Amino acid sequence: ITSATCYSQCPIGYFFDETDAQSKKCTRCNSPCESCEGTGDSCLSCDGTGDRLYVYDYGCYADCPVKTAADLSNLKCINCPAQCDECSTLEGGDNCYRCTPPYLLEFGLCVTEC
């Protein structure tokens, strides 16, 4: 931040740059991070650049990675249940719709036998 204001916590869009502990300065997050921590590339939320809206493992994605699903309420990718390759984040039930072989899909669950 260019002003000479002291902060106990960096504002949204900035992170505390620990590379120079004496300067204690807030540095702007790198795009596509909207907010970040530790480094400018460790995203906590995404700014939508290149349609990358969803955050997962400190990265921004246009589509969530394999074995994860988009949670539209907070724009994060969440892990699918074990043995599930594709799932949805709909609440209130089993949400798998493609299982990792040799597992079989039965009513939204991955099972060994039907």
N, C-alpha and C. Protein backbone atom coordinates (compact mmCIF):
# COMPACT_ATOMS: atom_id res chain seq x y z
N ILE A 1 0.87 -1.17 0.00
CA ILE A 1 0.00 0.00 0.00
C ILE A 1 0.91 1.22 0.00
N THR A 2 0.59 2.19 -0.78
CA THR A 2 1.48 3.32 -0.95
C THR A 2 1.37 4.34 0.18
N SER A 3 0.28 4.37 0.92
CA SER A 3 0.16 5.35 2.01
C SER A 3 0.99 4.90 3.20
N ALA A 4 1.19 5.81 4.13
CA ALA A 4 1.99 5.51 5.32
C ALA A 4 1.08 5.09 6.47
N THR A 5 0.01 4.39 6.18
CA THR A 5 -0.93 3.93 7.19
C THR A 5 -0.46 2.61 7.78
N CYS A 6 -0.59 2.47 9.10
CA CYS A 6 -0.25 1.22 9.76
C CYS A 6 -1.50 0.35 9.86
N TYR A 7 -1.33 -0.94 9.59
CA TYR A 7 -2.44 -1.89 9.63
C TYR A 7 -2.07 -3.04 10.55
N SER A 8 -3.03 -3.51 11.33
CA SER A 8 -2.80 -4.72 12.12
C SER A 8 -3.05 -5.94 11.24
N GLN A 9 -3.80 -5.74 10.17
CA GLN A 9 -4.12 -6.78 9.20
C GLN A 9 -4.23 -6.10 7.84
N CYS A 10 -3.74 -6.75 6.81
CA CYS A 10 -3.81 -6.15 5.48
C CYS A 10 -5.25 -6.13 4.98
N PRO A 11 -5.62 -5.11 4.22
CA PRO A 11 -6.97 -5.07 3.65
C PRO A 11 -7.16 -6.15 2.59
N ILE A 12 -8.42 -6.42 2.24
CA ILE A 12 -8.73 -7.41 1.21
C ILE A 12 -8.03 -7.01 -0.08
N GLY A 13 -7.43 -8.00 -0.74
CA GLY A 13 -6.69 -7.75 -1.97
C GLY A 13 -5.20 -7.58 -1.74
N TYR A 14 -4.79 -7.62 -0.47
CA TYR A 14 -3.38 -7.47 -0.10
C TYR A 14 -3.00 -8.58 0.87
N PHE A 15 -1.70 -8.85 0.97
CA PHE A 15 -1.20 -9.83 1.94
C PHE A 15 0.01 -9.24 2.65
N PHE A 16 0.26 -9.72 3.86
CA PHE A 16 1.42 -9.28 4.62
C PHE A 16 2.66 -9.93 4.03
N ASP A 17 3.53 -9.13 3.46
CA ASP A 17 4.73 -9.62 2.80
C ASP A 17 5.80 -9.89 3.85
N GLU A 18 6.05 -11.16 4.11
CA GLU A 18 6.99 -11.54 5.16
C GLU A 18 8.42 -11.69 4.65
N THR A 19 8.66 -11.36 3.38
CA THR A 19 10.02 -11.47 2.86
C THR A 19 10.95 -10.44 3.49
N ASP A 20 10.39 -9.34 3.94
CA ASP A 20 11.16 -8.32 4.66
C ASP A 20 10.42 -8.00 5.94
N ALA A 21 10.72 -8.76 7.00
CA ALA A 21 9.98 -8.66 8.26
C ALA A 21 10.04 -7.26 8.87
N GLN A 22 11.08 -6.50 8.58
CA GLN A 22 11.19 -5.17 9.17
C GLN A 22 10.29 -4.15 8.48
N SER A 23 10.00 -4.36 7.20
CA SER A 23 9.17 -3.37 6.49
C SER A 23 7.69 -3.53 6.84
N LYS A 24 7.27 -4.74 7.18
CA LYS A 24 5.88 -5.02 7.54
C LYS A 24 4.91 -4.36 6.58
N LYS A 25 5.12 -4.61 5.30
CA LYS A 25 4.26 -3.95 4.32
C LYS A 25 3.23 -4.91 3.74
N CYS A 26 2.14 -4.33 3.32
CA CYS A 26 1.08 -5.07 2.64
C CYS A 26 1.34 -4.95 1.14
N THR A 27 1.29 -6.09 0.45
CA THR A 27 1.54 -6.16 -0.98
C THR A 27 0.28 -6.67 -1.68
N ARG A 28 -0.01 -6.11 -2.84
CA ARG A 28 -1.22 -6.49 -3.58
C ARG A 28 -1.12 -7.95 -4.03
N CYS A 29 -2.25 -8.65 -3.95
CA CYS A 29 -2.35 -10.03 -4.47
C CYS A 29 -2.18 -10.01 -5.98
N ASN A 30 -1.65 -11.09 -6.52
CA ASN A 30 -1.52 -11.24 -7.97
C ASN A 30 -2.84 -11.75 -8.55
N SER A 31 -3.19 -11.27 -9.74
CA SER A 31 -4.37 -11.78 -10.43
C SER A 31 -4.09 -13.22 -10.84
N PRO A 32 -5.04 -14.13 -10.72
CA PRO A 32 -6.47 -13.94 -10.52
C PRO A 32 -6.93 -13.96 -9.07
N CYS A 33 -6.01 -13.80 -8.10
CA CYS A 33 -6.42 -13.78 -6.69
C CYS A 33 -7.14 -12.47 -6.37
N GLU A 34 -8.30 -12.57 -5.76
CA GLU A 34 -8.99 -11.39 -5.24
C GLU A 34 -8.51 -11.12 -3.82
N SER A 35 -8.33 -12.20 -3.05
CA SER A 35 -7.72 -12.12 -1.73
C SER A 35 -6.72 -13.26 -1.64
N CYS A 36 -5.69 -13.09 -0.80
CA CYS A 36 -4.62 -14.08 -0.73
C CYS A 36 -3.98 -14.04 0.64
N GLU A 37 -3.10 -15.02 0.90
CA GLU A 37 -2.35 -15.03 2.16
C GLU A 37 -0.97 -15.62 1.94
N GLY A 38 0.01 -15.13 2.66
CA GLY A 38 1.36 -15.67 2.58
C GLY A 38 2.15 -15.21 1.38
N THR A 39 1.60 -15.39 0.19
CA THR A 39 2.21 -14.91 -1.04
C THR A 39 1.10 -14.34 -1.92
N GLY A 40 1.48 -13.61 -2.94
CA GLY A 40 0.51 -13.02 -3.84
C GLY A 40 -0.21 -14.03 -4.71
N ASP A 41 0.31 -15.27 -4.75
CA ASP A 41 -0.29 -16.32 -5.58
C ASP A 41 -1.05 -17.37 -4.78
N SER A 42 -1.17 -17.21 -3.47
CA SER A 42 -1.91 -18.16 -2.62
C SER A 42 -3.32 -17.62 -2.42
N CYS A 43 -4.20 -17.94 -3.36
CA CYS A 43 -5.54 -17.35 -3.41
C CYS A 43 -6.48 -17.90 -2.34
N LEU A 44 -7.22 -17.00 -1.72
CA LEU A 44 -8.32 -17.36 -0.84
C LEU A 44 -9.65 -17.14 -1.55
N SER A 45 -9.66 -16.23 -2.52
CA SER A 45 -10.81 -16.00 -3.39
C SER A 45 -10.27 -15.50 -4.72
N CYS A 46 -11.11 -15.57 -5.76
CA CYS A 46 -10.67 -15.27 -7.12
C CYS A 46 -11.40 -14.07 -7.68
N ASP A 47 -10.74 -13.33 -8.58
CA ASP A 47 -11.33 -12.10 -9.14
C ASP A 47 -12.08 -12.32 -10.44
N GLY A 48 -12.09 -13.55 -10.97
CA GLY A 48 -12.84 -13.85 -12.19
C GLY A 48 -12.07 -13.67 -13.47
N THR A 49 -10.80 -13.27 -13.40
CA THR A 49 -9.98 -13.11 -14.60
C THR A 49 -9.93 -14.43 -15.37
N GLY A 50 -10.20 -14.37 -16.67
CA GLY A 50 -10.19 -15.57 -17.50
C GLY A 50 -11.25 -16.58 -17.08
N ASP A 51 -12.36 -16.09 -16.55
CA ASP A 51 -13.46 -16.93 -16.06
C ASP A 51 -13.05 -17.84 -14.91
N ARG A 52 -11.93 -17.55 -14.27
CA ARG A 52 -11.48 -18.36 -13.14
C ARG A 52 -12.13 -17.81 -11.87
N LEU A 53 -13.24 -18.43 -11.48
CA LEU A 53 -14.02 -17.97 -10.33
C LEU A 53 -13.82 -18.82 -9.09
N TYR A 54 -13.51 -20.12 -9.28
CA TYR A 54 -13.51 -21.07 -8.17
C TYR A 54 -12.12 -21.25 -7.58
N VAL A 55 -12.04 -21.21 -6.25
CA VAL A 55 -10.76 -21.40 -5.58
C VAL A 55 -10.68 -22.83 -5.05
N TYR A 56 -9.49 -23.43 -5.24
CA TYR A 56 -9.21 -24.77 -4.72
C TYR A 56 -7.71 -24.88 -4.50
N ASP A 57 -7.32 -25.28 -3.31
CA ASP A 57 -5.91 -25.47 -2.98
C ASP A 57 -5.08 -24.24 -3.36
N TYR A 58 -5.60 -23.07 -3.03
CA TYR A 58 -4.96 -21.76 -3.24
C TYR A 58 -4.80 -21.36 -4.70
N GLY A 59 -5.48 -22.05 -5.61
CA GLY A 59 -5.45 -21.70 -7.03
C GLY A 59 -6.85 -21.34 -7.51
N CYS A 60 -6.93 -20.66 -8.65
CA CYS A 60 -8.22 -20.26 -9.23
C CYS A 60 -8.49 -21.06 -10.50
N TYR A 61 -9.73 -21.48 -10.67
CA TYR A 61 -10.12 -22.35 -11.78
C TYR A 61 -11.42 -21.88 -12.41
N ALA A 62 -11.52 -22.05 -13.74
CA ALA A 62 -12.79 -21.80 -14.42
C ALA A 62 -13.73 -22.98 -14.17
N ASP A 63 -13.19 -24.18 -14.13
CA ASP A 63 -13.92 -25.40 -13.80
C ASP A 63 -13.15 -26.09 -12.69
N CYS A 64 -13.87 -26.68 -11.76
CA CYS A 64 -13.20 -27.36 -10.66
C CYS A 64 -12.44 -28.59 -11.16
N PRO A 65 -11.30 -28.90 -10.52
CA PRO A 65 -10.51 -30.07 -10.91
C PRO A 65 -11.28 -31.39 -10.72
N VAL A 66 -10.77 -32.45 -11.32
CA VAL A 66 -11.34 -33.79 -11.17
C VAL A 66 -11.43 -34.14 -9.68
N LYS A 67 -12.49 -34.84 -9.33
CA LYS A 67 -12.77 -35.29 -7.97
C LYS A 67 -13.15 -34.15 -7.04
N THR A 68 -13.54 -33.01 -7.62
CA THR A 68 -14.07 -31.89 -6.84
C THR A 68 -15.33 -31.37 -7.54
N ALA A 69 -16.09 -30.56 -6.82
CA ALA A 69 -17.31 -29.98 -7.38
C ALA A 69 -17.43 -28.53 -6.93
N ALA A 70 -18.05 -27.72 -7.76
CA ALA A 70 -18.21 -26.30 -7.47
C ALA A 70 -19.30 -26.08 -6.43
N ASP A 71 -18.94 -25.36 -5.38
CA ASP A 71 -19.92 -24.91 -4.39
C ASP A 71 -20.27 -23.48 -4.77
N LEU A 72 -21.42 -23.29 -5.38
CA LEU A 72 -21.81 -21.98 -5.90
C LEU A 72 -22.05 -20.95 -4.82
N SER A 73 -22.31 -21.38 -3.59
CA SER A 73 -22.59 -20.43 -2.52
C SER A 73 -21.35 -19.67 -2.07
N ASN A 74 -20.16 -20.28 -2.21
CA ASN A 74 -18.94 -19.58 -1.79
C ASN A 74 -17.82 -19.63 -2.84
N LEU A 75 -18.15 -20.10 -4.05
CA LEU A 75 -17.20 -20.14 -5.17
C LEU A 75 -15.92 -20.88 -4.83
N LYS A 76 -16.07 -22.03 -4.16
CA LYS A 76 -14.94 -22.90 -3.84
C LYS A 76 -15.20 -24.27 -4.45
N CYS A 77 -14.14 -25.00 -4.73
CA CYS A 77 -14.25 -26.39 -5.17
C CYS A 77 -14.11 -27.25 -3.92
N ILE A 78 -15.05 -28.17 -3.74
CA ILE A 78 -14.98 -29.07 -2.59
C ILE A 78 -14.72 -30.49 -3.08
N ASN A 79 -14.06 -31.28 -2.25
CA ASN A 79 -13.73 -32.66 -2.61
C ASN A 79 -14.97 -33.53 -2.69
N CYS A 80 -14.99 -34.40 -3.68
CA CYS A 80 -16.04 -35.42 -3.78
C CYS A 80 -15.79 -36.48 -2.71
N PRO A 81 -16.82 -37.28 -2.39
CA PRO A 81 -16.61 -38.39 -1.45
C PRO A 81 -15.58 -39.38 -1.99
N ALA A 82 -15.05 -40.21 -1.11
CA ALA A 82 -14.06 -41.23 -1.50
C ALA A 82 -14.62 -42.12 -2.60
N GLN A 83 -13.79 -42.56 -3.50
CA GLN A 83 -14.11 -43.42 -4.63
C GLN A 83 -15.05 -42.77 -5.65
N CYS A 84 -15.23 -41.46 -5.56
CA CYS A 84 -16.13 -40.76 -6.46
C CYS A 84 -15.31 -39.83 -7.37
N ASP A 85 -15.46 -39.98 -8.70
CA ASP A 85 -14.73 -39.15 -9.64
C ASP A 85 -15.45 -37.85 -9.97
N GLU A 86 -16.77 -37.89 -10.01
CA GLU A 86 -17.57 -36.69 -10.30
C GLU A 86 -18.75 -36.64 -9.35
N CYS A 87 -19.01 -35.43 -8.85
CA CYS A 87 -20.10 -35.27 -7.90
C CYS A 87 -20.69 -33.88 -8.04
N SER A 88 -21.77 -33.65 -7.32
CA SER A 88 -22.36 -32.32 -7.25
C SER A 88 -22.33 -31.89 -5.79
N THR A 89 -22.63 -30.64 -5.55
CA THR A 89 -22.62 -30.13 -4.18
C THR A 89 -24.02 -29.91 -3.65
N LEU A 90 -25.01 -30.53 -4.28
CA LEU A 90 -26.38 -30.39 -3.80
C LEU A 90 -26.48 -30.93 -2.38
N GLU A 91 -27.10 -30.15 -1.52
CA GLU A 91 -27.23 -30.57 -0.13
C GLU A 91 -28.37 -31.57 0.03
N GLY A 92 -28.28 -32.32 1.10
CA GLY A 92 -29.38 -33.19 1.45
C GLY A 92 -29.38 -34.53 0.75
N GLY A 93 -28.24 -35.14 0.56
CA GLY A 93 -28.26 -36.47 -0.04
C GLY A 93 -26.93 -36.87 -0.63
N ASP A 94 -26.93 -38.05 -1.19
CA ASP A 94 -25.73 -38.59 -1.82
C ASP A 94 -25.56 -37.92 -3.17
N ASN A 95 -24.35 -37.53 -3.49
CA ASN A 95 -24.15 -36.65 -4.64
C ASN A 95 -23.15 -37.14 -5.68
N CYS A 96 -22.77 -38.40 -5.66
CA CYS A 96 -21.84 -38.90 -6.66
C CYS A 96 -22.60 -39.31 -7.91
N TYR A 97 -22.04 -39.04 -9.09
CA TYR A 97 -22.65 -39.54 -10.31
C TYR A 97 -21.66 -40.24 -11.24
N ARG A 98 -20.40 -40.41 -10.80
CA ARG A 98 -19.45 -41.27 -11.53
C ARG A 98 -18.41 -41.75 -10.52
N CYS A 99 -18.26 -43.07 -10.44
CA CYS A 99 -17.36 -43.68 -9.46
C CYS A 99 -16.04 -44.10 -10.09
N THR A 100 -15.02 -44.20 -9.27
CA THR A 100 -13.72 -44.71 -9.68
C THR A 100 -13.83 -46.23 -9.80
N PRO A 101 -13.46 -46.81 -10.96
CA PRO A 101 -13.51 -48.27 -11.08
C PRO A 101 -12.61 -48.92 -10.04
N PRO A 102 -12.98 -50.01 -9.46
CA PRO A 102 -14.07 -50.93 -9.78
C PRO A 102 -15.37 -50.61 -9.04
N TYR A 103 -15.48 -49.46 -8.41
CA TYR A 103 -16.70 -49.13 -7.66
C TYR A 103 -17.87 -48.90 -8.60
N LEU A 104 -19.06 -49.18 -8.12
CA LEU A 104 -20.29 -49.06 -8.88
C LEU A 104 -21.16 -47.98 -8.26
N LEU A 105 -21.90 -47.29 -9.09
CA LEU A 105 -22.78 -46.22 -8.63
C LEU A 105 -24.15 -46.79 -8.27
N GLU A 106 -24.58 -46.50 -7.06
CA GLU A 106 -25.91 -46.93 -6.61
C GLU A 106 -26.53 -45.81 -5.79
N PHE A 107 -27.53 -45.16 -6.35
CA PHE A 107 -28.27 -44.08 -5.69
C PHE A 107 -27.34 -43.00 -5.14
N GLY A 108 -26.36 -42.59 -5.94
CA GLY A 108 -25.48 -41.50 -5.55
C GLY A 108 -24.30 -41.91 -4.67
N LEU A 109 -24.16 -43.20 -4.41
CA LEU A 109 -23.05 -43.73 -3.61
C LEU A 109 -22.18 -44.64 -4.44
N CYS A 110 -20.91 -44.73 -4.10
CA CYS A 110 -20.00 -45.66 -4.75
C CYS A 110 -19.88 -46.90 -3.86
N VAL A 111 -20.27 -48.05 -4.42
CA VAL A 111 -20.31 -49.29 -3.67
C VAL A 111 -19.51 -50.37 -4.40
N THR A 112 -19.16 -51.43 -3.65
CA THR A 112 -18.42 -52.54 -4.26
C THR A 112 -19.35 -53.55 -4.91
N GLU A 113 -20.59 -53.63 -4.43
CA GLU A 113 -21.60 -54.54 -5.02
C GLU A 113 -22.95 -53.86 -5.00
N CYS A 114 -23.76 -54.17 -6.01
CA CYS A 114 -25.14 -53.64 -6.05
C CYS A 114 -26.07 -54.56 -5.29
